[in-house]
Amino acid sequence: MKSPPVALDAADRRILRALQGDGRLPVVALAEQVGLSATPCQRRVRRLEEEGVIQGYGARLDPRRLGLPLQAFVQVALVSHAEEVVERFHAALAQREEVIAAYTMSGDMDYLLHVLAPDMDAFGDFATRALLRLPGVKETRSSFVLATLKPPGRVPV
């Protein structure tokens, strides 16, 4: 069951925009930036966290600086959509740290995976020795990122 959207007012939206820009803002600085006093601002942030609007906080890392310059998007088709096949694929996929994001898709392919690797050899090993051997995988198609024009960013609020 899907959760309905959370009702947000202008102050909530200002808080969310500010935190997307800098999730490390102290409450006092955040409150000042969004035009609230600290206590109401902190209450709003806590409510947004509790309601699942704010799912967590983290740092954005540069994969290239960490020795993972190769990015690929891999489309995956399964042999079947039977519940057992899908569950086994999901469980196996969750164990693969090369896959930094995975989406269920409509269309010809069932999944779209965002994969990081140090080089083409490592990606090839992952594709042939891991991905194609995951439970239920019938077919894959890979496309490689040549340049990032707009990195993953902020949710418009």
Protein backbone atom coordinates (compact mmCIF):
# COMPACT_ATOMS: atom_id res chain seq x y z
CA MET A 1 0.00 0.00 0.00
CA LYS A 2 1.38 3.39 -0.97
CA SER A 3 1.52 6.26 1.47
CA PRO A 4 -0.32 9.42 0.42
CA PRO A 5 1.72 12.57 -0.15
CA VAL A 6 2.43 14.61 2.96
CA ALA A 7 0.85 18.07 3.13
CA LEU A 8 3.63 20.69 3.09
CA ASP A 9 3.39 24.40 3.68
CA ALA A 10 5.81 27.07 2.48
CA ALA A 11 8.03 26.76 5.59
CA ASP A 12 8.28 22.98 5.15
CA ARG A 13 9.33 23.49 1.54
CA ARG A 14 11.98 26.05 2.52
CA ILE A 15 13.35 23.59 5.09
CA LEU A 16 13.49 20.78 2.53
CA ARG A 17 15.22 22.95 -0.07
CA ALA A 18 17.79 24.10 2.49
CA LEU A 19 18.51 20.58 3.76
CA GLN A 20 18.90 19.23 0.23
CA GLY A 21 21.57 21.86 -0.29
CA ASP A 22 23.33 21.14 3.02
CA GLY A 23 22.09 18.32 5.23
CA ARG A 24 24.63 19.28 7.90
CA LEU A 25 23.09 22.67 8.68
CA PRO A 26 22.76 23.15 12.43
CA VAL A 27 19.16 23.79 13.49
CA VAL A 28 19.90 27.40 14.43
CA ALA A 29 21.42 28.13 11.00
CA LEU A 30 18.61 26.26 9.25
CA ALA A 31 15.97 28.17 11.22
CA GLU A 32 17.61 31.48 10.35
CA GLN A 33 17.85 30.56 6.68
CA VAL A 34 14.16 29.57 6.43
CA GLY A 35 12.79 32.38 8.60
CA LEU A 36 11.74 30.44 11.71
CA SER A 37 12.93 30.27 15.29
CA ALA A 38 14.97 27.21 16.26
CA THR A 39 12.37 25.25 18.25
CA PRO A 40 9.56 25.31 15.65
CA CYS A 41 12.11 24.58 12.93
CA GLN A 42 13.41 21.57 14.82
CA ARG A 43 9.83 20.32 15.38
CA ARG A 44 9.11 20.62 11.65
CA VAL A 45 12.30 18.75 10.72
CA ARG A 46 11.44 15.97 13.21
CA ARG A 47 7.91 15.72 11.77
CA LEU A 48 9.26 15.56 8.21
CA GLU A 49 11.62 12.76 9.31
CA GLU A 50 8.87 10.85 11.13
CA GLU A 51 6.52 11.13 8.13
CA GLY A 52 9.23 9.76 5.84
CA VAL A 53 9.62 12.89 3.73
CA ILE A 54 13.23 13.10 4.93
CA GLN A 55 14.50 9.56 4.58
CA GLY A 56 18.00 10.12 5.92
CA TYR A 57 21.16 12.16 5.63
CA GLY A 58 24.39 11.38 3.83
CA ALA A 59 27.36 12.65 1.89
CA ARG A 60 27.51 12.78 -1.91
CA LEU A 61 30.65 10.95 -2.99
CA ASP A 62 32.58 11.25 -6.24
CA PRO A 63 33.00 7.68 -7.52
CA ARG A 64 35.93 8.72 -9.74
CA ARG A 65 37.90 9.95 -6.71
CA LEU A 66 37.25 6.55 -5.12
CA GLY A 67 38.61 4.60 -8.09
CA LEU A 68 35.23 3.82 -9.67
CA PRO A 69 35.17 5.94 -12.84
CA LEU A 70 33.17 3.52 -14.99
CA GLN A 71 29.40 3.91 -14.70
CA ALA A 72 26.94 1.75 -16.56
CA PHE A 73 23.19 1.47 -16.76
CA VAL A 74 22.20 -2.15 -17.24
CA GLN A 75 18.78 -3.29 -18.34
CA VAL A 76 17.82 -6.73 -17.06
CA ALA A 77 15.06 -9.07 -18.22
CA LEU A 78 14.01 -12.02 -16.08
CA VAL A 79 12.99 -15.44 -17.35
CA SER A 80 9.73 -15.20 -15.42
CA HIS A 81 7.78 -12.87 -13.18
CA ALA A 82 6.88 -15.65 -10.79
CA GLU A 83 7.09 -14.48 -7.19
CA GLU A 84 9.88 -16.91 -6.29
CA VAL A 85 12.02 -15.84 -9.27
CA VAL A 86 11.56 -12.15 -8.49
CA GLU A 87 12.27 -12.59 -4.77
CA ARG A 88 15.44 -14.61 -5.43
CA PHE A 89 16.63 -11.98 -7.93
CA HIS A 90 15.96 -9.15 -5.47
CA ALA A 91 17.80 -10.95 -2.66
CA ALA A 92 20.83 -11.70 -4.87
CA LEU A 93 20.87 -8.17 -6.28
CA ALA A 94 20.89 -6.66 -2.77
CA GLN A 95 24.23 -8.41 -2.15
CA ARG A 96 25.98 -6.77 -5.12
CA GLU A 97 27.76 -3.60 -3.98
CA GLU A 98 28.57 -2.64 -7.59
CA VAL A 99 24.86 -1.92 -8.06
CA ILE A 100 24.24 1.44 -6.42
CA ALA A 101 20.62 1.79 -7.57
CA ALA A 102 18.01 -0.54 -9.06
CA TYR A 103 14.59 0.21 -10.49
CA THR A 104 11.70 -1.96 -11.61
CA MET A 105 10.76 -0.80 -15.10
CA SER A 106 7.96 -1.04 -17.61
CA GLY A 107 8.71 -1.94 -21.21
CA ASP A 108 10.93 -4.60 -22.76
CA MET A 109 13.21 -5.01 -19.76
CA ASP A 110 12.23 -5.60 -16.15
CA TYR A 111 14.95 -3.70 -14.27
CA LEU A 112 17.38 -0.83 -14.73
CA LEU A 113 20.58 -1.04 -12.66
CA HIS A 114 23.11 1.72 -12.04
CA VAL A 115 26.49 0.04 -11.72
CA LEU A 116 29.93 1.39 -10.75
CA ALA A 117 33.25 -0.29 -11.58
CA PRO A 118 36.94 0.60 -11.60
CA ASP A 119 37.37 -0.29 -15.29
CA MET A 120 35.94 -2.26 -18.21
CA ASP A 121 37.62 -5.50 -17.11
CA ALA A 122 36.01 -5.31 -13.69
CA PHE A 123 32.65 -4.48 -15.25
CA GLY A 124 33.03 -7.41 -17.64
CA ASP A 125 33.73 -9.75 -14.72
CA PHE A 126 30.69 -8.42 -12.88
CA ALA A 127 28.47 -8.77 -15.96
CA THR A 128 29.54 -12.27 -16.94
CA ARG A 129 30.44 -13.86 -13.63
CA ALA A 130 27.86 -12.24 -11.37
CA LEU A 131 24.98 -10.49 -13.12
CA LEU A 132 24.24 -13.12 -15.74
CA ARG A 133 24.38 -15.77 -13.01
CA LEU A 134 21.91 -14.05 -10.69
CA PRO A 135 18.74 -16.11 -10.20
CA GLY A 136 16.23 -15.64 -12.99
CA VAL A 137 18.29 -13.40 -15.29
CA LYS A 138 17.44 -14.05 -18.94
CA GLU A 139 19.05 -11.11 -20.72
CA THR A 140 20.99 -7.91 -20.07
CA ARG A 141 21.86 -4.79 -22.06
CA SER A 142 24.52 -2.37 -20.89
CA SER A 143 25.07 1.29 -21.72
CA PHE A 144 28.05 3.23 -20.45
CA VAL A 145 28.09 6.79 -19.16
CA LEU A 146 30.34 8.98 -21.31
CA ALA A 147 29.71 12.22 -19.42
CA THR A 148 27.43 13.34 -16.62
CA LEU A 149 25.45 16.36 -17.75
CA LYS A 150 23.22 16.61 -14.70
CA PRO A 151 24.06 14.46 -11.68
CA PRO A 152 21.38 13.08 -9.40
CA GLY A 153 20.06 16.09 -7.60
CA ARG A 154 17.40 17.68 -5.59
CA VAL A 155 13.75 16.76 -5.52
CA PRO A 156 11.72 19.80 -6.59
CA VAL A 157 9.79 21.10 -3.56
